[in-house]
Amino acid sequence: MPTSTEIFINAELPKRPYTNQFPFTSGHVPVATGVGLQVEARALTAADISDMSSYATQNDLSNVLAGLWDDRGAYTVNAAGNINYPSSAGSGVAGALMKGDIFTVAGAVAGVSKINNIAVNNGDTVRALVDNPSATDNAHWTIAENNIGYVPENRANKTTDTDLSGATGTYPDTP
């Protein structure tokens, strides 16, 4: 519970620093935000403390953050074929799967391994879109490709000649 010695920031965004619009009064300290805006800092009053119901609580923050992203580690797939989505090891009570639980595919064989008939490779992520998702419903899950490969540039068609008139299939290189 905050005490009266804590600082309460009362944002007054329309006011700008260094103008006569800002009220410099006893007990109020102007605070520059560094972005051209100024806010007023003042000590908490008894009225502020008695009305703490309007401030965010730990439960409020937990509810807002629930379902965003909860890394659950590796999900080892069947190297020889098709398997379902994860059915346990989630972030809920007793390992229940929850919205935002995300797994990284491991043990996959390129071109062979599938989750619910969708091809996957090592490094792909599988994320639950709803609480208590079905292990067989594609609408409850999303798969993101993370195994995007790197193809080096083809230097065979580069030239240091800056006059490319009449050149086909070449582009300039910086020496």
N, C-alpha and C. Protein backbone atom coordinates (compact mmCIF):
# COMPACT_ATOMS: atom_id res chain seq x y z
N MET A 1 0.84 -1.17 0.00
CA MET A 1 0.00 0.00 0.00
C MET A 1 0.89 1.24 0.00
N PRO A 2 0.69 2.16 -0.95
CA PRO A 2 1.52 3.35 -1.00
C PRO A 2 1.37 4.21 0.25
N THR A 3 2.42 4.92 0.57
CA THR A 3 2.38 5.86 1.70
C THR A 3 2.33 7.28 1.17
N SER A 4 2.04 8.20 2.04
CA SER A 4 1.91 9.59 1.60
C SER A 4 3.24 10.20 1.18
N THR A 5 4.33 9.53 1.49
CA THR A 5 5.64 10.06 1.07
C THR A 5 6.02 9.63 -0.34
N GLU A 6 5.27 8.71 -0.90
CA GLU A 6 5.58 8.30 -2.27
C GLU A 6 5.12 9.39 -3.24
N ILE A 7 5.74 9.38 -4.36
CA ILE A 7 5.45 10.41 -5.35
C ILE A 7 4.35 9.93 -6.30
N PHE A 8 3.42 10.81 -6.52
CA PHE A 8 2.32 10.52 -7.44
C PHE A 8 2.52 11.40 -8.67
N ILE A 9 2.55 10.81 -9.81
CA ILE A 9 2.75 11.58 -11.03
C ILE A 9 1.40 11.86 -11.68
N ASN A 10 1.12 13.12 -11.84
CA ASN A 10 -0.13 13.54 -12.45
C ASN A 10 0.22 14.08 -13.83
N ALA A 11 0.01 13.28 -14.86
CA ALA A 11 0.40 13.67 -16.21
C ALA A 11 -0.49 14.80 -16.71
N GLU A 12 0.15 15.85 -17.17
CA GLU A 12 -0.57 16.97 -17.75
C GLU A 12 0.03 17.19 -19.13
N LEU A 13 -0.30 16.31 -20.06
CA LEU A 13 0.34 16.28 -21.36
C LEU A 13 0.13 17.53 -22.21
N PRO A 14 -1.00 18.23 -22.13
CA PRO A 14 -1.15 19.40 -23.00
C PRO A 14 -0.18 20.52 -22.65
N LYS A 15 0.36 20.55 -21.46
CA LYS A 15 1.23 21.64 -21.04
C LYS A 15 2.66 21.39 -21.50
N ARG A 16 3.34 22.45 -21.85
CA ARG A 16 4.70 22.36 -22.34
C ARG A 16 5.64 23.03 -21.33
N PRO A 17 6.88 22.56 -21.25
CA PRO A 17 7.81 23.18 -20.31
C PRO A 17 8.17 24.60 -20.74
N TYR A 18 8.58 25.37 -19.78
CA TYR A 18 9.07 26.72 -20.00
C TYR A 18 8.00 27.65 -20.56
N THR A 19 6.77 27.44 -20.19
CA THR A 19 5.70 28.36 -20.58
C THR A 19 4.96 28.79 -19.33
N ASN A 20 4.14 29.81 -19.47
CA ASN A 20 3.36 30.28 -18.33
C ASN A 20 2.10 29.45 -18.13
N GLN A 21 1.92 28.40 -18.93
CA GLN A 21 0.74 27.54 -18.78
C GLN A 21 0.88 26.59 -17.60
N PHE A 22 2.09 26.34 -17.16
CA PHE A 22 2.28 25.36 -16.10
C PHE A 22 2.20 26.04 -14.74
N PRO A 23 1.36 25.55 -13.84
CA PRO A 23 1.20 26.21 -12.54
C PRO A 23 2.33 25.85 -11.57
N PHE A 24 3.22 26.77 -11.32
CA PHE A 24 4.28 26.56 -10.33
C PHE A 24 3.74 27.00 -8.97
N THR A 25 3.24 26.05 -8.21
CA THR A 25 2.66 26.37 -6.92
C THR A 25 3.36 25.58 -5.84
N SER A 26 3.16 25.99 -4.62
CA SER A 26 3.79 25.34 -3.48
C SER A 26 3.36 23.87 -3.40
N GLY A 27 4.33 22.98 -3.19
CA GLY A 27 4.02 21.55 -3.06
C GLY A 27 3.97 20.81 -4.38
N HIS A 28 4.17 21.50 -5.49
CA HIS A 28 4.15 20.87 -6.80
C HIS A 28 5.50 21.06 -7.46
N VAL A 29 6.07 19.99 -7.97
CA VAL A 29 7.40 20.03 -8.55
C VAL A 29 7.30 19.71 -10.03
N PRO A 30 7.70 20.62 -10.92
CA PRO A 30 7.66 20.28 -12.35
C PRO A 30 8.75 19.27 -12.68
N VAL A 31 8.41 18.29 -13.51
CA VAL A 31 9.35 17.24 -13.89
C VAL A 31 9.39 17.19 -15.41
N ALA A 32 10.56 17.41 -16.01
CA ALA A 32 10.70 17.33 -17.46
C ALA A 32 10.82 15.87 -17.85
N THR A 33 10.09 15.47 -18.89
CA THR A 33 10.09 14.07 -19.31
C THR A 33 11.18 13.77 -20.33
N GLY A 34 11.78 14.78 -20.91
CA GLY A 34 12.80 14.55 -21.92
C GLY A 34 12.24 14.46 -23.32
N VAL A 35 10.92 14.52 -23.47
CA VAL A 35 10.31 14.46 -24.79
C VAL A 35 9.53 15.74 -25.07
N GLY A 36 9.89 16.83 -24.41
CA GLY A 36 9.22 18.09 -24.63
C GLY A 36 7.93 18.24 -23.86
N LEU A 37 7.62 17.30 -23.02
CA LEU A 37 6.42 17.37 -22.21
C LEU A 37 6.82 17.49 -20.75
N GLN A 38 5.95 18.06 -19.96
CA GLN A 38 6.25 18.22 -18.56
C GLN A 38 5.10 17.65 -17.75
N VAL A 39 5.42 17.00 -16.66
CA VAL A 39 4.41 16.45 -15.78
C VAL A 39 4.58 17.07 -14.41
N GLU A 40 3.57 16.93 -13.59
CA GLU A 40 3.61 17.51 -12.26
C GLU A 40 3.73 16.39 -11.24
N ALA A 41 4.73 16.46 -10.38
CA ALA A 41 4.90 15.48 -9.33
C ALA A 41 4.45 16.11 -8.02
N ARG A 42 3.70 15.36 -7.25
CA ARG A 42 3.25 15.88 -5.96
C ARG A 42 3.17 14.74 -4.98
N ALA A 43 3.13 15.05 -3.71
CA ALA A 43 2.99 14.03 -2.68
C ALA A 43 1.59 13.48 -2.70
N LEU A 44 1.45 12.19 -2.40
CA LEU A 44 0.12 11.58 -2.32
C LEU A 44 -0.66 12.18 -1.16
N THR A 45 -1.94 12.34 -1.39
CA THR A 45 -2.81 12.83 -0.33
C THR A 45 -3.60 11.67 0.24
N ALA A 46 -4.31 11.93 1.33
CA ALA A 46 -5.16 10.90 1.94
C ALA A 46 -6.22 10.44 0.95
N ALA A 47 -6.73 11.35 0.12
CA ALA A 47 -7.74 10.98 -0.87
C ALA A 47 -7.16 10.01 -1.90
N ASP A 48 -5.91 10.24 -2.30
CA ASP A 48 -5.26 9.33 -3.26
C ASP A 48 -5.15 7.93 -2.67
N ILE A 49 -4.74 7.85 -1.42
CA ILE A 49 -4.52 6.56 -0.77
C ILE A 49 -5.83 5.84 -0.52
N SER A 50 -6.88 6.56 -0.19
CA SER A 50 -8.15 5.91 0.12
C SER A 50 -8.82 5.36 -1.14
N ASP A 51 -8.42 5.83 -2.31
CA ASP A 51 -9.06 5.38 -3.55
C ASP A 51 -8.10 4.52 -4.37
N MET A 52 -7.46 3.56 -3.75
CA MET A 52 -6.52 2.69 -4.44
C MET A 52 -7.21 1.66 -5.33
N SER A 53 -8.53 1.58 -5.30
CA SER A 53 -9.24 0.60 -6.12
C SER A 53 -9.08 0.90 -7.60
N SER A 54 -8.69 2.12 -7.96
CA SER A 54 -8.55 2.46 -9.36
C SER A 54 -7.16 2.14 -9.91
N TYR A 55 -6.24 1.68 -9.05
CA TYR A 55 -4.89 1.36 -9.49
C TYR A 55 -4.78 -0.13 -9.84
N ALA A 56 -3.87 -0.44 -10.75
CA ALA A 56 -3.67 -1.83 -11.17
C ALA A 56 -3.08 -2.66 -10.04
N THR A 57 -3.58 -3.88 -9.91
CA THR A 57 -3.06 -4.81 -8.91
C THR A 57 -2.22 -5.87 -9.61
N GLN A 58 -1.57 -6.72 -8.85
CA GLN A 58 -0.79 -7.81 -9.42
C GLN A 58 -1.69 -8.73 -10.25
N ASN A 59 -2.90 -8.99 -9.78
CA ASN A 59 -3.83 -9.83 -10.54
C ASN A 59 -4.21 -9.18 -11.86
N ASP A 60 -4.42 -7.86 -11.85
CA ASP A 60 -4.74 -7.16 -13.09
C ASP A 60 -3.61 -7.34 -14.11
N LEU A 61 -2.38 -7.16 -13.65
CA LEU A 61 -1.24 -7.31 -14.55
C LEU A 61 -1.10 -8.74 -15.04
N SER A 62 -1.31 -9.71 -14.18
CA SER A 62 -1.22 -11.12 -14.58
C SER A 62 -2.27 -11.45 -15.62
N ASN A 63 -3.48 -10.91 -15.45
CA ASN A 63 -4.55 -11.17 -16.41
C ASN A 63 -4.24 -10.55 -17.77
N VAL A 64 -3.63 -9.37 -17.78
CA VAL A 64 -3.29 -8.72 -19.03
C VAL A 64 -2.19 -9.49 -19.75
N LEU A 65 -1.22 -10.00 -19.00
CA LEU A 65 -0.08 -10.68 -19.61
C LEU A 65 -0.36 -12.14 -19.96
N ALA A 66 -1.42 -12.70 -19.41
CA ALA A 66 -1.74 -14.11 -19.67
C ALA A 66 -2.01 -14.33 -21.15
N GLY A 67 -1.43 -15.37 -21.69
CA GLY A 67 -1.70 -15.73 -23.07
C GLY A 67 -0.83 -15.02 -24.09
N LEU A 68 0.15 -14.27 -23.66
CA LEU A 68 0.99 -13.58 -24.64
C LEU A 68 2.05 -14.49 -25.22
N TRP A 69 2.90 -15.06 -24.37
CA TRP A 69 3.99 -15.90 -24.86
C TRP A 69 4.59 -16.62 -23.66
N ASP A 70 4.51 -17.92 -23.64
CA ASP A 70 5.08 -18.69 -22.54
C ASP A 70 5.85 -19.86 -23.13
N ASP A 71 7.17 -19.70 -23.21
CA ASP A 71 8.03 -20.72 -23.83
C ASP A 71 8.02 -21.98 -22.99
N ARG A 72 7.60 -23.09 -23.58
CA ARG A 72 7.50 -24.36 -22.87
C ARG A 72 8.60 -25.33 -23.26
N GLY A 73 9.55 -24.89 -24.08
CA GLY A 73 10.69 -25.74 -24.43
C GLY A 73 10.48 -26.51 -25.72
N ALA A 74 11.21 -27.62 -25.84
CA ALA A 74 11.20 -28.41 -27.06
C ALA A 74 9.99 -29.34 -27.12
N TYR A 75 9.48 -29.52 -28.33
CA TYR A 75 8.43 -30.51 -28.59
C TYR A 75 9.02 -31.48 -29.60
N THR A 76 9.39 -32.66 -29.14
CA THR A 76 10.03 -33.65 -30.01
C THR A 76 8.97 -34.35 -30.84
N VAL A 77 9.12 -34.23 -32.15
CA VAL A 77 8.14 -34.82 -33.06
C VAL A 77 8.62 -36.19 -33.51
N ASN A 78 7.72 -36.94 -34.09
CA ASN A 78 8.02 -38.26 -34.62
C ASN A 78 8.83 -38.08 -35.90
N ALA A 79 10.05 -38.54 -35.90
CA ALA A 79 10.93 -38.35 -37.05
C ALA A 79 10.46 -39.12 -38.27
N ALA A 80 9.57 -40.07 -38.10
CA ALA A 80 9.17 -40.93 -39.22
C ALA A 80 7.75 -40.66 -39.71
N GLY A 81 7.09 -39.61 -39.22
CA GLY A 81 5.73 -39.41 -39.71
C GLY A 81 4.96 -38.32 -39.01
N ASN A 82 3.66 -38.56 -38.85
CA ASN A 82 2.71 -37.55 -38.39
C ASN A 82 2.35 -37.75 -36.92
N ILE A 83 2.29 -36.65 -36.16
CA ILE A 83 1.81 -36.70 -34.77
C ILE A 83 0.84 -35.54 -34.55
N ASN A 84 0.18 -35.54 -33.41
CA ASN A 84 -0.73 -34.46 -33.06
C ASN A 84 0.02 -33.32 -32.40
N TYR A 85 -0.69 -32.23 -32.17
CA TYR A 85 -0.13 -31.11 -31.42
C TYR A 85 0.12 -31.54 -29.98
N PRO A 86 0.87 -30.74 -29.20
CA PRO A 86 1.11 -31.10 -27.79
C PRO A 86 -0.20 -31.25 -27.02
N SER A 87 -0.19 -32.13 -26.03
CA SER A 87 -1.39 -32.34 -25.21
C SER A 87 -1.10 -32.14 -23.72
N SER A 88 0.15 -31.84 -23.38
CA SER A 88 0.52 -31.63 -21.97
C SER A 88 1.75 -30.73 -21.92
N ALA A 89 2.27 -30.52 -20.72
CA ALA A 89 3.46 -29.69 -20.46
C ALA A 89 3.18 -28.21 -20.69
N GLY A 90 1.94 -27.81 -20.51
CA GLY A 90 1.59 -26.40 -20.66
C GLY A 90 1.84 -25.61 -19.39
N SER A 91 1.45 -24.35 -19.40
CA SER A 91 1.70 -23.46 -18.27
C SER A 91 0.55 -23.42 -17.28
N GLY A 92 -0.52 -24.15 -17.54
CA GLY A 92 -1.67 -24.16 -16.65
C GLY A 92 -1.51 -25.11 -15.48
N VAL A 93 -2.56 -25.20 -14.68
CA VAL A 93 -2.57 -26.09 -13.52
C VAL A 93 -2.37 -27.53 -13.99
N ALA A 94 -1.47 -28.25 -13.35
CA ALA A 94 -1.15 -29.64 -13.67
C ALA A 94 -0.72 -29.82 -15.12
N GLY A 95 -0.07 -28.79 -15.70
CA GLY A 95 0.46 -28.89 -17.06
C GLY A 95 -0.56 -28.68 -18.16
N ALA A 96 -1.73 -28.14 -17.81
CA ALA A 96 -2.76 -27.88 -18.83
C ALA A 96 -2.23 -26.85 -19.82
N LEU A 97 -2.58 -27.04 -21.08
CA LEU A 97 -2.15 -26.11 -22.12
C LEU A 97 -3.00 -24.84 -22.06
N MET A 98 -2.33 -23.70 -22.19
CA MET A 98 -3.00 -22.41 -22.12
C MET A 98 -2.64 -21.59 -23.35
N LYS A 99 -3.49 -20.62 -23.66
CA LYS A 99 -3.23 -19.70 -24.76
C LYS A 99 -1.86 -19.07 -24.56
N GLY A 100 -1.04 -19.05 -25.60
CA GLY A 100 0.29 -18.46 -25.53
C GLY A 100 1.40 -19.45 -25.25
N ASP A 101 1.06 -20.68 -24.86
CA ASP A 101 2.10 -21.70 -24.66
C ASP A 101 2.74 -21.98 -26.02
N ILE A 102 4.06 -21.91 -26.06
CA ILE A 102 4.75 -22.09 -27.34
C ILE A 102 5.86 -23.13 -27.17
N PHE A 103 5.96 -24.00 -28.16
CA PHE A 103 6.94 -25.08 -28.15
C PHE A 103 7.82 -24.94 -29.39
N THR A 104 9.08 -25.36 -29.27
CA THR A 104 10.00 -25.36 -30.41
C THR A 104 10.17 -26.79 -30.89
N VAL A 105 9.94 -27.00 -32.18
CA VAL A 105 10.02 -28.34 -32.76
C VAL A 105 11.46 -28.86 -32.73
N ALA A 106 11.61 -30.10 -32.29
CA ALA A 106 12.91 -30.77 -32.24
C ALA A 106 12.75 -32.20 -32.73
N GLY A 107 13.82 -32.79 -33.23
CA GLY A 107 13.81 -34.18 -33.67
C GLY A 107 13.12 -34.42 -35.00
N ALA A 108 12.88 -33.36 -35.76
CA ALA A 108 12.17 -33.51 -37.04
C ALA A 108 13.13 -33.92 -38.15
N VAL A 109 12.57 -34.61 -39.13
CA VAL A 109 13.30 -34.97 -40.35
C VAL A 109 12.66 -34.18 -41.48
N ALA A 110 13.45 -33.36 -42.17
CA ALA A 110 12.93 -32.50 -43.24
C ALA A 110 12.18 -33.31 -44.28
N GLY A 111 11.00 -32.85 -44.62
CA GLY A 111 10.18 -33.50 -45.63
C GLY A 111 9.41 -34.71 -45.13
N VAL A 112 9.61 -35.12 -43.89
CA VAL A 112 8.96 -36.31 -43.35
C VAL A 112 8.07 -35.98 -42.15
N SER A 113 8.60 -35.22 -41.22
CA SER A 113 7.89 -34.96 -39.96
C SER A 113 6.73 -33.99 -40.16
N LYS A 114 5.60 -34.33 -39.52
CA LYS A 114 4.40 -33.51 -39.63
C LYS A 114 3.70 -33.44 -38.28
N ILE A 115 3.05 -32.31 -38.05
CA ILE A 115 2.15 -32.18 -36.90
C ILE A 115 0.76 -31.97 -37.48
N ASN A 116 -0.12 -32.91 -37.22
CA ASN A 116 -1.49 -32.86 -37.73
C ASN A 116 -1.51 -32.59 -39.24
N ASN A 117 -0.65 -33.31 -39.96
CA ASN A 117 -0.53 -33.27 -41.42
C ASN A 117 0.05 -31.96 -41.95
N ILE A 118 0.72 -31.18 -41.11
CA ILE A 118 1.41 -29.97 -41.55
C ILE A 118 2.90 -30.21 -41.37
N ALA A 119 3.67 -30.07 -42.46
CA ALA A 119 5.10 -30.34 -42.42
C ALA A 119 5.80 -29.37 -41.47
N VAL A 120 6.69 -29.90 -40.64
CA VAL A 120 7.47 -29.09 -39.71
C VAL A 120 8.94 -29.47 -39.79
N ASN A 121 9.78 -28.54 -39.38
CA ASN A 121 11.22 -28.77 -39.34
C ASN A 121 11.75 -28.31 -37.99
N ASN A 122 12.95 -28.73 -37.67
CA ASN A 122 13.58 -28.31 -36.42
C ASN A 122 13.63 -26.78 -36.36
N GLY A 123 13.28 -26.23 -35.21
CA GLY A 123 13.30 -24.79 -35.02
C GLY A 123 11.97 -24.11 -35.24
N ASP A 124 11.03 -24.78 -35.92
CA ASP A 124 9.69 -24.20 -36.07
C ASP A 124 9.05 -24.08 -34.70
N THR A 125 8.11 -23.16 -34.56
CA THR A 125 7.41 -23.02 -33.28
C THR A 125 5.95 -23.36 -33.44
N VAL A 126 5.39 -23.94 -32.39
CA VAL A 126 3.99 -24.34 -32.35
C VAL A 126 3.39 -23.63 -31.14
N ARG A 127 2.39 -22.74 -31.38
CA ARG A 127 1.83 -21.92 -30.30
C ARG A 127 0.33 -22.13 -30.19
N ALA A 128 -0.13 -22.31 -28.94
CA ALA A 128 -1.56 -22.46 -28.67
C ALA A 128 -2.26 -21.11 -28.80
N LEU A 129 -3.37 -21.07 -29.52
CA LEU A 129 -4.13 -19.84 -29.71
C LEU A 129 -5.28 -19.69 -28.72
N VAL A 130 -5.64 -20.79 -28.04
CA VAL A 130 -6.75 -20.77 -27.08
C VAL A 130 -6.36 -21.58 -25.85
N ASP A 131 -7.08 -21.37 -24.76
CA ASP A 131 -6.89 -22.20 -23.56
C ASP A 131 -7.43 -23.59 -23.84
N ASN A 132 -6.80 -24.61 -23.29
CA ASN A 132 -7.20 -26.01 -23.45
C ASN A 132 -7.42 -26.38 -24.91
N PRO A 133 -6.42 -26.17 -25.77
CA PRO A 133 -6.59 -26.47 -27.19
C PRO A 133 -6.68 -27.96 -27.47
N SER A 134 -7.39 -28.29 -28.53
CA SER A 134 -7.47 -29.68 -28.97
C SER A 134 -6.15 -30.06 -29.65
N ALA A 135 -5.68 -31.25 -29.40
CA ALA A 135 -4.43 -31.71 -30.01
C ALA A 135 -4.59 -32.07 -31.48
N THR A 136 -5.83 -32.02 -31.99
CA THR A 136 -6.07 -32.38 -33.39
C THR A 136 -6.74 -31.27 -34.18
N ASP A 137 -6.94 -30.09 -33.61
CA ASP A 137 -7.65 -29.00 -34.29
C ASP A 137 -6.66 -27.91 -34.71
N ASN A 138 -6.44 -27.78 -36.02
CA ASN A 138 -5.50 -26.79 -36.54
C ASN A 138 -5.90 -25.36 -36.18
N ALA A 139 -7.18 -25.10 -35.97
CA ALA A 139 -7.65 -23.75 -35.63
C ALA A 139 -7.21 -23.33 -34.23
N HIS A 140 -6.82 -24.28 -33.40
CA HIS A 140 -6.39 -23.97 -32.03
C HIS A 140 -4.89 -23.69 -31.93
N TRP A 141 -4.18 -23.83 -33.03
CA TRP A 141 -2.72 -23.73 -33.02
C TRP A 141 -2.22 -22.92 -34.20
N THR A 142 -1.00 -22.41 -34.08
CA THR A 142 -0.32 -21.80 -35.22
C THR A 142 1.12 -22.32 -35.25
N ILE A 143 1.61 -22.53 -36.45
CA ILE A 143 2.99 -23.00 -36.64
C ILE A 143 3.75 -21.91 -37.39
N ALA A 144 4.89 -21.50 -36.85
CA ALA A 144 5.72 -20.49 -37.49
C ALA A 144 7.02 -21.13 -37.97
N GLU A 145 7.36 -20.85 -39.21
CA GLU A 145 8.60 -21.37 -39.80
C GLU A 145 9.78 -20.58 -39.24
N ASN A 146 10.73 -21.26 -38.64
CA ASN A 146 11.94 -20.60 -38.15
C ASN A 146 13.18 -21.15 -38.82
N ASN A 147 12.99 -22.03 -39.76
CA ASN A 147 14.13 -22.67 -40.41
C ASN A 147 14.37 -22.05 -41.79
N ILE A 148 14.28 -20.73 -41.84
CA ILE A 148 14.49 -20.05 -43.11
C ILE A 148 15.98 -20.08 -43.41
N GLY A 149 16.33 -20.65 -44.55
CA GLY A 149 17.73 -20.85 -44.89
C GLY A 149 18.39 -19.61 -45.45
N TYR A 150 19.68 -19.67 -45.60
CA TYR A 150 20.49 -18.59 -46.16
C TYR A 150 21.04 -19.04 -47.50
N VAL A 151 20.85 -18.20 -48.51
CA VAL A 151 21.41 -18.47 -49.83
C VAL A 151 22.42 -17.36 -50.13
N PRO A 152 23.69 -17.70 -50.27
CA PRO A 152 24.69 -16.66 -50.53
C PRO A 152 24.49 -16.06 -51.92
N GLU A 153 24.96 -14.83 -52.09
CA GLU A 153 24.80 -14.18 -53.39
C GLU A 153 25.61 -14.90 -54.46
N ASN A 154 25.13 -14.79 -55.68
CA ASN A 154 25.80 -15.39 -56.83
C ASN A 154 26.73 -14.33 -57.42
N ARG A 155 28.02 -14.48 -57.17
CA ARG A 155 28.98 -13.48 -57.64
C ARG A 155 29.30 -13.65 -59.13
N ALA A 156 28.85 -14.73 -59.74
CA ALA A 156 29.18 -14.97 -61.14
C ALA A 156 28.58 -13.91 -62.06
N ASN A 157 27.47 -13.29 -61.67
CA ASN A 157 26.84 -12.32 -62.56
C ASN A 157 27.06 -10.88 -62.08
N LYS A 158 28.12 -10.64 -61.30
CA LYS A 158 28.44 -9.29 -60.86
C LYS A 158 29.60 -8.75 -61.68
N THR A 159 29.62 -7.45 -61.84
CA THR A 159 30.69 -6.82 -62.60
C THR A 159 31.14 -5.54 -61.89
N THR A 160 32.40 -5.17 -62.11
CA THR A 160 32.89 -3.90 -61.58
C THR A 160 32.74 -2.79 -62.60
N ASP A 161 32.27 -3.13 -63.79
CA ASP A 161 32.04 -2.15 -64.85
C ASP A 161 30.78 -1.36 -64.49
N THR A 162 30.94 -0.05 -64.31
CA THR A 162 29.78 0.77 -63.94
C THR A 162 28.93 1.14 -65.14
N ASP A 163 29.42 0.91 -66.35
CA ASP A 163 28.62 1.17 -67.54
C ASP A 163 27.92 -0.12 -67.92
N LEU A 164 26.68 -0.24 -67.53
CA LEU A 164 25.94 -1.48 -67.75
C LEU A 164 25.07 -1.44 -69.00
N SER A 165 25.35 -0.48 -69.90
CA SER A 165 24.55 -0.39 -71.11
C SER A 165 24.77 -1.65 -71.94
N GLY A 166 23.71 -2.28 -72.31
CA GLY A 166 23.77 -3.49 -73.09
C GLY A 166 24.04 -4.74 -72.29
N ALA A 167 24.31 -4.59 -71.01
CA ALA A 167 24.59 -5.76 -70.17
C ALA A 167 23.29 -6.45 -69.80
N THR A 168 23.28 -7.76 -69.87
CA THR A 168 22.11 -8.52 -69.45
C THR A 168 22.52 -9.51 -68.38
N GLY A 169 21.75 -9.57 -67.34
CA GLY A 169 22.02 -10.54 -66.29
C GLY A 169 23.16 -10.18 -65.36
N THR A 170 23.66 -8.94 -65.45
CA THR A 170 24.72 -8.52 -64.53
C THR A 170 24.28 -7.30 -63.74
N TYR A 171 24.90 -7.11 -62.63
CA TYR A 171 24.63 -5.93 -61.82
C TYR A 171 25.93 -5.49 -61.19
N PRO A 172 26.03 -4.21 -60.83
CA PRO A 172 27.32 -3.69 -60.37
C PRO A 172 27.72 -4.21 -59.00
N ASP A 173 29.02 -4.27 -58.83
CA ASP A 173 29.62 -4.68 -57.56
C ASP A 173 30.43 -3.50 -57.04
N THR A 174 30.60 -3.43 -55.76
CA THR A 174 31.48 -2.40 -55.21
C THR A 174 32.85 -3.03 -55.01
N PRO A 175 33.87 -2.46 -55.62
CA PRO A 175 35.20 -3.07 -55.54
C PRO A 175 35.77 -3.03 -54.15
